[in-house]
Protein backbone atom coordinates (compact mmCIF):
# COMPACT_ATOMS: atom_id res chain seq x y z
CA MET A 1 74.05 128.18 72.97
CA LYS A 2 72.96 124.68 72.05
CA GLN A 3 69.35 123.59 72.42
CA SER A 4 70.25 120.94 74.98
CA GLU A 5 71.80 123.60 77.20
CA ARG A 6 68.64 125.71 77.40
CA THR A 7 65.99 125.27 80.06
CA ARG A 8 63.82 128.27 79.13
CA PRO A 9 61.51 128.27 76.10
CA VAL A 10 62.10 130.86 73.38
CA ALA A 11 59.34 132.84 71.66
CA PHE A 12 59.53 134.97 68.52
CA VAL A 13 56.70 137.53 68.56
CA THR A 14 56.35 139.58 65.39
CA GLY A 15 55.18 143.17 65.56
CA SER A 16 55.88 143.20 69.27
CA SER A 17 57.49 146.54 70.02
CA ARG A 18 54.08 148.03 70.86
CA GLY A 19 50.35 147.37 70.91
CA ILE A 20 48.98 143.84 70.97
CA GLY A 21 52.41 142.32 70.29
CA LEU A 22 53.93 144.02 73.31
CA GLY A 23 51.02 142.86 75.48
CA ILE A 24 51.74 139.32 74.32
CA ALA A 25 55.48 139.66 74.93
CA GLU A 26 54.93 140.91 78.47
CA HIS A 27 52.77 137.93 79.40
CA LEU A 28 55.18 135.46 77.81
CA ALA A 29 58.02 137.05 79.77
CA ARG A 30 56.02 136.55 82.95
CA LYS A 31 55.59 132.87 82.00
CA GLY A 32 59.34 132.36 81.72
CA PHE A 33 59.93 132.71 77.97
CA ASP A 34 63.04 134.27 76.52
CA LEU A 35 62.05 136.57 73.70
CA ALA A 36 62.88 137.71 70.22
CA ILE A 37 61.03 140.98 69.70
CA ASN A 38 60.32 142.27 66.20
CA GLY A 39 59.50 145.65 64.68
CA VAL A 40 60.47 147.87 61.79
CA ARG A 41 61.75 150.77 63.92
CA ASP A 42 65.42 151.15 64.76
CA GLU A 43 66.47 149.45 67.99
CA SER A 44 67.24 152.84 69.53
CA ALA A 45 63.52 153.60 69.38
CA VAL A 46 62.55 150.55 71.44
CA THR A 47 65.17 150.54 74.21
CA ASP A 48 62.53 151.32 76.84
CA VAL A 49 60.41 148.39 75.64
CA LEU A 50 63.36 146.01 75.79
CA GLY A 51 64.27 147.28 79.25
CA THR A 52 60.74 146.73 80.52
CA LEU A 53 60.70 143.15 79.27
CA ARG A 54 64.10 142.40 80.77
CA GLN A 55 62.77 143.40 84.19
CA PHE A 56 60.90 140.09 84.19
CA GLY A 57 64.24 138.27 84.17
CA THR A 58 63.89 137.26 80.56
CA GLU A 59 66.60 137.38 77.91
CA VAL A 60 65.46 139.63 75.07
CA ILE A 61 66.82 140.37 71.62
CA TYR A 62 65.43 142.78 69.04
CA CYS A 63 65.04 141.58 65.45
CA GLN A 64 64.45 144.60 63.26
CA GLY A 65 62.83 143.94 59.91
CA SER A 66 59.64 143.52 57.93
CA ILE A 67 58.12 140.06 57.73
CA ALA A 68 57.04 140.97 54.20
CA ASP A 69 60.67 140.79 53.08
CA ALA A 70 62.13 137.31 52.52
CA ALA A 71 65.70 138.38 53.27
CA SER A 72 64.60 140.03 56.52
CA ARG A 73 62.75 136.89 57.59
CA ALA A 74 65.84 134.77 57.00
CA THR A 75 68.10 137.23 58.81
CA MET A 76 65.82 137.39 61.85
CA LEU A 77 65.57 133.62 62.18
CA ALA A 78 69.33 133.27 61.79
CA ARG A 79 69.85 135.77 64.60
CA ILE A 80 67.45 133.89 66.88
CA ASN A 81 69.29 130.66 66.15
CA ASP A 82 72.68 132.26 66.80
CA ARG A 83 71.55 133.71 70.12
CA PHE A 84 69.28 131.00 71.50
CA GLY A 85 69.97 127.89 69.43
CA GLN A 86 66.27 127.05 69.26
CA LEU A 87 62.77 128.41 68.81
CA THR A 88 59.84 126.91 70.68
CA LEU A 89 57.04 129.36 69.93
CA LEU A 90 56.19 131.58 66.98
CA VAL A 91 53.52 134.23 67.50
CA ASN A 92 52.44 135.75 64.20
CA ASN A 93 51.19 139.15 65.25
CA ALA A 94 52.69 141.73 62.88
CA GLY A 95 50.14 143.44 60.69
CA ILE A 96 49.16 146.78 59.24
CA ALA A 97 45.90 148.60 58.61
CA PRO A 98 45.08 150.26 55.29
CA GLN A 99 46.49 153.77 55.01
CA VAL A 100 43.06 154.89 53.80
CA ARG A 101 39.78 153.18 54.67
CA ALA A 102 38.28 153.02 51.20
CA ASP A 103 35.02 151.52 49.98
CA ILE A 104 35.69 148.27 48.10
CA LEU A 105 34.22 149.92 44.98
CA GLU A 106 37.03 152.48 45.12
CA ALA A 107 39.92 150.71 46.89
CA THR A 108 43.27 150.50 45.11
CA GLU A 109 45.45 147.60 44.06
CA GLU A 110 48.37 149.31 45.78
CA SER A 111 46.65 149.12 49.15
CA PHE A 112 45.56 145.53 48.52
CA ASP A 113 49.10 144.43 47.62
CA GLN A 114 50.59 146.17 50.65
CA LEU A 115 48.10 144.63 53.09
CA LEU A 116 48.35 141.14 51.66
CA ASN A 117 52.17 141.21 51.48
CA VAL A 118 52.55 142.08 55.16
CA ASN A 119 49.49 140.60 56.84
CA LEU A 120 49.21 137.35 54.90
CA LYS A 121 52.14 136.52 52.63
CA GLY A 122 54.77 137.56 55.17
CA ALA A 123 53.17 135.59 58.00
CA TYR A 124 52.55 132.58 55.74
CA PHE A 125 56.14 132.20 54.62
CA LEU A 126 57.57 133.04 58.04
CA THR A 127 55.42 130.23 59.43
CA GLN A 128 56.67 127.92 56.69
CA ALA A 129 60.30 128.64 57.59
CA VAL A 130 59.71 128.30 61.33
CA ALA A 131 57.69 125.11 60.88
CA ASN A 132 60.57 123.48 59.01
CA TRP A 133 62.98 124.60 61.72
CA MET A 134 60.71 123.19 64.43
CA ILE A 135 60.44 119.88 62.55
CA ARG A 136 64.24 119.65 62.46
CA GLN A 137 64.42 120.36 66.19
CA LYS A 138 61.77 117.72 66.84
CA LYS A 139 63.71 115.14 64.83
CA GLU A 140 66.87 115.93 66.81
CA ASP A 141 65.06 115.72 70.15
CA ALA A 142 61.84 113.72 70.41
CA GLY A 143 60.97 115.53 73.64
CA PHE A 144 61.15 118.97 72.04
CA GLN A 145 57.89 120.91 72.45
CA ALA A 146 56.91 123.70 70.08
CA GLY A 147 53.86 125.59 68.86
CA ILE A 148 52.62 128.34 66.58
CA ILE A 149 49.99 130.96 67.42
CA THR A 150 48.62 133.37 64.84
CA VAL A 151 46.85 136.55 65.91
CA SER A 152 44.21 137.39 63.33
CA SER A 153 41.08 139.50 63.87
CA ILE A 154 37.31 139.29 63.98
CA SER A 155 37.69 140.80 60.50
CA ALA A 156 38.40 137.25 59.33
CA THR A 157 34.64 136.75 59.36
CA VAL A 158 33.09 140.18 60.06
CA ALA A 159 32.77 142.14 56.82
CA SER A 160 33.90 145.78 56.78
CA VAL A 161 33.36 147.10 53.26
CA ASN A 162 35.73 150.02 53.83
CA ARG A 163 38.58 147.66 54.77
CA GLY A 164 38.17 144.84 52.29
CA ASP A 165 41.90 144.27 51.89
CA TYR A 166 42.36 144.01 55.65
CA CYS A 167 39.45 141.57 56.01
CA ILE A 168 40.74 139.35 53.22
CA SER A 169 44.22 139.28 54.75
CA LYS A 170 42.79 138.14 58.08
CA ALA A 171 40.52 135.54 56.50
CA GLY A 172 43.61 134.18 54.76
CA LEU A 173 45.46 133.96 58.06
CA SER A 174 42.60 131.95 59.50
CA MET A 175 42.86 129.40 56.70
CA ALA A 176 46.66 129.36 57.04
CA THR A 177 46.20 128.35 60.68
CA GLN A 178 44.08 125.38 59.63
CA LEU A 179 46.50 124.37 56.89
CA PHE A 180 49.56 124.41 59.13
CA ALA A 181 47.66 122.68 61.93
CA VAL A 182 46.86 119.82 59.56
CA ARG A 183 50.36 119.63 58.11
CA LEU A 184 52.19 119.77 61.45
CA GLY A 185 49.91 117.37 63.30
CA GLU A 186 52.13 114.38 62.58
CA PHE A 187 55.04 116.17 64.24
CA GLY A 188 53.14 117.05 67.41
CA ILE A 189 53.37 120.80 66.74
CA PRO A 190 50.02 122.45 67.53
CA VAL A 191 48.90 125.57 65.67
CA TYR A 192 46.29 127.98 67.00
CA GLU A 193 44.50 131.18 66.06
CA VAL A 194 43.67 134.01 68.46
CA ARG A 195 41.05 136.35 67.07
CA PRO A 196 40.84 139.75 68.81
CA GLY A 197 37.95 142.15 68.53
CA ILE A 198 38.09 145.91 69.05
CA ILE A 199 41.42 146.47 70.82
CA LYS A 200 42.71 149.86 71.97
CA THR A 201 46.05 150.30 70.16
CA ASP A 202 47.84 152.73 67.85
CA MET A 203 45.98 151.09 64.95
CA THR A 204 42.57 152.01 66.33
CA ALA A 205 43.51 155.45 67.65
CA GLY A 206 41.98 157.19 64.63
CA VAL A 207 38.56 155.59 65.15
CA THR A 208 38.35 155.87 68.92
CA ALA A 209 35.28 158.11 68.93
CA LYS A 210 33.45 155.82 66.50
CA TYR A 211 34.01 152.72 68.61
CA ASP A 212 33.39 154.52 71.89
CA THR A 213 29.89 155.19 70.61
CA LEU A 214 29.36 151.71 69.20
CA ILE A 215 30.51 150.05 72.42
CA ALA A 216 28.27 152.32 74.48
CA ASP A 217 25.39 151.30 72.19
CA GLY A 218 25.96 147.59 72.80
CA LEU A 219 28.40 146.48 70.10
CA THR A 220 30.11 144.17 72.60
CA VAL A 221 28.52 142.05 75.31
CA GLN A 222 31.21 143.21 77.71
CA PRO A 223 30.85 147.00 77.47
CA ARG A 224 34.46 148.08 77.12
CA TRP A 225 37.35 148.21 74.71
CA GLY A 226 39.63 145.20 74.57
CA LEU A 227 43.22 145.79 75.64
CA PRO A 228 46.55 144.35 74.52
CA ASP A 229 46.67 142.77 77.97
CA ASP A 230 43.52 140.75 77.14
CA VAL A 231 45.15 139.28 74.04
CA GLY A 232 48.42 138.73 75.89
CA ARG A 233 46.66 136.70 78.57
CA ALA A 234 45.02 134.48 75.97
CA VAL A 235 48.22 133.85 74.02
CA ALA A 236 50.18 133.09 77.18
CA ALA A 237 47.52 130.64 78.37
CA ILE A 238 47.78 128.75 75.08
CA ALA A 239 51.58 128.94 75.06
CA GLU A 240 51.73 127.28 78.47
CA GLY A 241 50.46 124.10 76.81
CA GLY A 242 47.06 123.93 78.43
CA PHE A 243 45.29 123.04 75.18
CA PRO A 244 47.33 120.13 73.79
CA TYR A 245 44.38 118.50 71.99
CA SER A 246 42.97 121.64 70.35
CA THR A 247 45.23 122.27 67.37
CA GLY A 248 43.67 124.38 64.63
CA GLN A 249 41.16 126.00 66.96
CA VAL A 250 40.17 129.66 67.18
CA PHE A 251 40.26 131.48 70.52
CA MET A 252 38.01 134.56 70.52
CA VAL A 253 39.08 137.65 72.46
CA ASP A 254 36.29 140.00 71.42
CA GLY A 255 34.18 140.75 74.49
CA GLY A 256 31.30 138.82 72.94
CA LEU A 257 31.12 141.05 69.85
CA THR A 258 30.58 138.14 67.47
CA LEU A 259 27.97 136.32 69.56
CA SER A 260 24.65 135.93 67.77
CA ARG A 261 22.07 138.00 69.65
CA LEU A 262 18.41 138.96 69.31
């Protein structure tokens, strides 16, 4: 389908078959986006997810693959182009946690390389490819509207010495947002960062008791866990175009965790 024939925007949300990514996809579907969903599991494992999203009347495809792999990135973008003929929104959400939370005095290079390859390098070069595609679309149609949203973490600035590799990957994503915002400004393509706090997902399941206690003791101003729905609402609000003069900015979704308090 050619771009000129489409009336619905198209979003590619990485790491969106569950957790925060799925919360984002659901809210984008409600806002009228067609979707390219991404994960590393076989499509047969996410049929229920795809069915749920299609109940919103949205067209959904599943792009299986790791963003850390260059060939997979190219294949996924080619599939989106073949199916939709355009891409109006990239949401960089895919990411992994360290397999073992290790003190930075003992952490391994293997873990560091794995985290940086997926969380930072993969997202960086996927954004590069999508940005060039969006520029081409903009040159073909001056009225074409596009944007990029990267989901990072409070770990971009909050130091956790038993997850140094994770923190560094998120700090890198934060700088990548600024870099792409500057570079794409001349093309009218805004770039944003959404920075979640403690969100209840598969990734945090192993530390539930720890954070239950910390939240009860006042870790967050709003005394509850964050939910994928909270992040989804924020991303969808940005994707609607309500912040056209705020490129490069960070949107906090952390329940007030990072507020300075006495």
